[in-house]
Structure formats: structure tokens, C-alpha cells
Amino acid sequence: MIEVKKKEGESVNAFLFRFTKKIQQSGVLKEAKKRRFAKRAENKHARRVSALYRSGKKQTVEKTRRFSTTGGR
């Protein structure tokens, strides 16, 4: 945890500058941003269902593509 105390006679702008500098140096902000967009790992069943869905979609696309290029023969 980062702790920054305001010095006697220090302006608010100077204090904010020191605070943001400490935050950036510590890497807290970078870590928070990384965790914010991190994805949770899918379980095995969900991955399998997703893969089956994708392969089924791919097959139907290929089938329609073959059918449309042959001119309906």
C-alpha cells in the first residue's frame, strides 16, 4: 500500500504530482489495468462446446459456398 502525506506548506498541485509519481513508480496502476481486462479460463466443457459450434458453422459455410459456386447443380 502506498502512503503519501502532504508536507507542511506544500501546494495541492505539488502534492498531486508527488502522489501520481509514486503510484506510477510502484506499478499499482499498471497491475490494476492488467487485472481489469484479464479473462477467466474457460472450463473444459465450455471449450469443447464452443469448438463443436465453430466446426459446425465452418461446415455449413463450406457447404453453402460449394453449392453457390457450382451454380446449383
C-alpha atoms as a PDB file:
ATOM      1  CA  MET A   1       0.000   0.000   0.000  1.00  0.00           C
ATOM      2  CA  ILE A   2       1.261   3.438  -0.902  1.00  0.00           C
ATOM      3  CA  GLU A   3       1.087   6.236   1.604  1.00  0.00           C
ATOM      4  CA  VAL A   4       1.823   9.841   0.723  1.00  0.00           C
ATOM      5  CA  LYS A   5       1.387  12.566   3.316  1.00  0.00           C
ATOM      6  CA  LYS A   6       1.074  16.237   2.493  1.00  0.00           C
ATOM      7  CA  LYS A   7       4.103  18.233   3.574  1.00  0.00           C
ATOM      8  CA  GLU A   8       3.697  21.448   5.510  1.00  0.00           C
ATOM      9  CA  GLY A   9       3.261  24.383   3.138  1.00  0.00           C
ATOM     10  CA  GLU A  10       3.005  22.117   0.073  1.00  0.00           C
ATOM     11  CA  SER A  11       0.504  23.137  -2.578  1.00  0.00           C
ATOM     12  CA  VAL A  12      -2.228  20.757  -3.702  1.00  0.00           C
ATOM     13  CA  ASN A  13      -0.760  20.616  -7.208  1.00  0.00           C
ATOM     14  CA  ALA A  14       2.670  19.636  -5.897  1.00  0.00           C
ATOM     15  CA  PHE A  15       1.120  17.023  -3.640  1.00  0.00           C
ATOM     16  CA  LEU A  16      -0.878  15.534  -6.539  1.00  0.00           C
ATOM     17  CA  PHE A  17       2.255  15.451  -8.673  1.00  0.00           C
ATOM     18  CA  ARG A  18       4.148  13.559  -5.969  1.00  0.00           C
ATOM     19  CA  PHE A  19       1.230  11.189  -5.434  1.00  0.00           C
ATOM     20  CA  THR A  20       0.819  10.307  -9.131  1.00  0.00           C
ATOM     21  CA  LYS A  21       4.577   9.849  -9.469  1.00  0.00           C
ATOM     22  CA  LYS A  22       4.615   7.384  -6.543  1.00  0.00           C
ATOM     23  CA  ILE A  23       1.644   5.474  -7.993  1.00  0.00           C
ATOM     24  CA  GLN A  24       3.304   5.153 -11.397  1.00  0.00           C
ATOM     25  CA  GLN A  25       6.643   4.087  -9.927  1.00  0.00           C
ATOM     26  CA  SER A  26       5.032   1.413  -7.777  1.00  0.00           C
ATOM     27  CA  GLY A  27       3.232  -0.196 -10.733  1.00  0.00           C
ATOM     28  CA  VAL A  28      -0.120  -0.288  -8.939  1.00  0.00           C
ATOM     29  CA  LEU A  29      -1.960   1.371 -11.814  1.00  0.00           C
ATOM     30  CA  LYS A  30      -0.415  -0.915 -14.431  1.00  0.00           C
ATOM     31  CA  GLU A  31      -1.374  -4.003 -12.403  1.00  0.00           C
ATOM     32  CA  ALA A  32      -4.936  -2.750 -11.905  1.00  0.00           C
ATOM     33  CA  LYS A  33      -5.389  -2.179 -15.635  1.00  0.00           C
ATOM     34  CA  LYS A  34      -3.974  -5.625 -16.396  1.00  0.00           C
ATOM     35  CA  ARG A  35      -6.384  -7.301 -13.967  1.00  0.00           C
ATOM     36  CA  ARG A  36      -9.342  -5.288 -15.210  1.00  0.00           C
ATOM     37  CA  PHE A  37      -9.208  -6.806 -18.687  1.00  0.00           C
ATOM     38  CA  ALA A  38      -7.970 -10.282 -17.759  1.00  0.00           C
ATOM     39  CA  LYS A  39     -10.182 -13.161 -18.847  1.00  0.00           C
ATOM     40  CA  ARG A  40     -11.008 -16.103 -16.673  1.00  0.00           C
ATOM     41  CA  ALA A  41     -10.075 -19.503 -18.046  1.00  0.00           C
ATOM     42  CA  GLU A  42     -12.962 -21.447 -19.548  1.00  0.00           C
ATOM     43  CA  ASN A  43     -13.636 -24.909 -18.249  1.00  0.00           C
ATOM     44  CA  LYS A  44     -13.107 -27.954 -20.445  1.00  0.00           C
ATOM     45  CA  HIS A  45     -16.804 -28.460 -21.231  1.00  0.00           C
ATOM     46  CA  ALA A  46     -17.306 -24.855 -22.367  1.00  0.00           C
ATOM     47  CA  ARG A  47     -14.228 -25.033 -24.622  1.00  0.00           C
ATOM     48  CA  ARG A  48     -15.489 -28.283 -26.168  1.00  0.00           C
ATOM     49  CA  VAL A  49     -18.982 -26.899 -26.811  1.00  0.00           C
ATOM     50  CA  SER A  50     -17.501 -23.776 -28.370  1.00  0.00           C
ATOM     51  CA  ALA A  51     -15.192 -25.815 -30.616  1.00  0.00           C
ATOM     52  CA  LEU A  52     -18.068 -28.034 -31.755  1.00  0.00           C
ATOM     53  CA  TYR A  53     -20.168 -24.971 -32.556  1.00  0.00           C
ATOM     54  CA  ARG A  54     -17.329 -23.401 -34.570  1.00  0.00           C
ATOM     55  CA  SER A  55     -16.681 -26.587 -36.529  1.00  0.00           C
ATOM     56  CA  GLY A  56     -20.390 -26.951 -37.299  1.00  0.00           C
ATOM     57  CA  LYS A  57     -20.567 -23.348 -38.517  1.00  0.00           C
ATOM     58  CA  LYS A  58     -17.474 -23.884 -40.661  1.00  0.00           C
ATOM     59  CA  GLN A  59     -19.023 -26.959 -42.277  1.00  0.00           C
ATOM     60  CA  THR A  60     -22.276 -25.171 -43.112  1.00  0.00           C
ATOM     61  CA  VAL A  61     -20.380 -22.227 -44.600  1.00  0.00           C
ATOM     62  CA  GLU A  62     -18.269 -24.554 -46.727  1.00  0.00           C
ATOM     63  CA  LYS A  63     -21.356 -26.474 -47.846  1.00  0.00           C
ATOM     64  CA  THR A  64     -23.180 -23.289 -48.896  1.00  0.00           C
ATOM     65  CA  ARG A  65     -20.060 -21.929 -50.561  1.00  0.00           C
ATOM     66  CA  ARG A  66     -19.634 -25.127 -52.614  1.00  0.00           C
ATOM     67  CA  PHE A  67     -23.299 -25.133 -53.521  1.00  0.00           C
ATOM     68  CA  SER A  68     -23.332 -21.497 -54.652  1.00  0.00           C
ATOM     69  CA  THR A  69     -20.131 -21.770 -56.740  1.00  0.00           C
ATOM     70  CA  THR A  70     -21.363 -24.809 -58.668  1.00  0.00           C
ATOM     71  CA  GLY A  71     -24.357 -22.859 -59.955  1.00  0.00           C
ATOM     72  CA  GLY A  72     -26.908 -25.018 -58.175  1.00  0.00           C
ATOM     73  CA  ARG A  73     -26.004 -28.303 -59.852  1.00  0.00           C
END
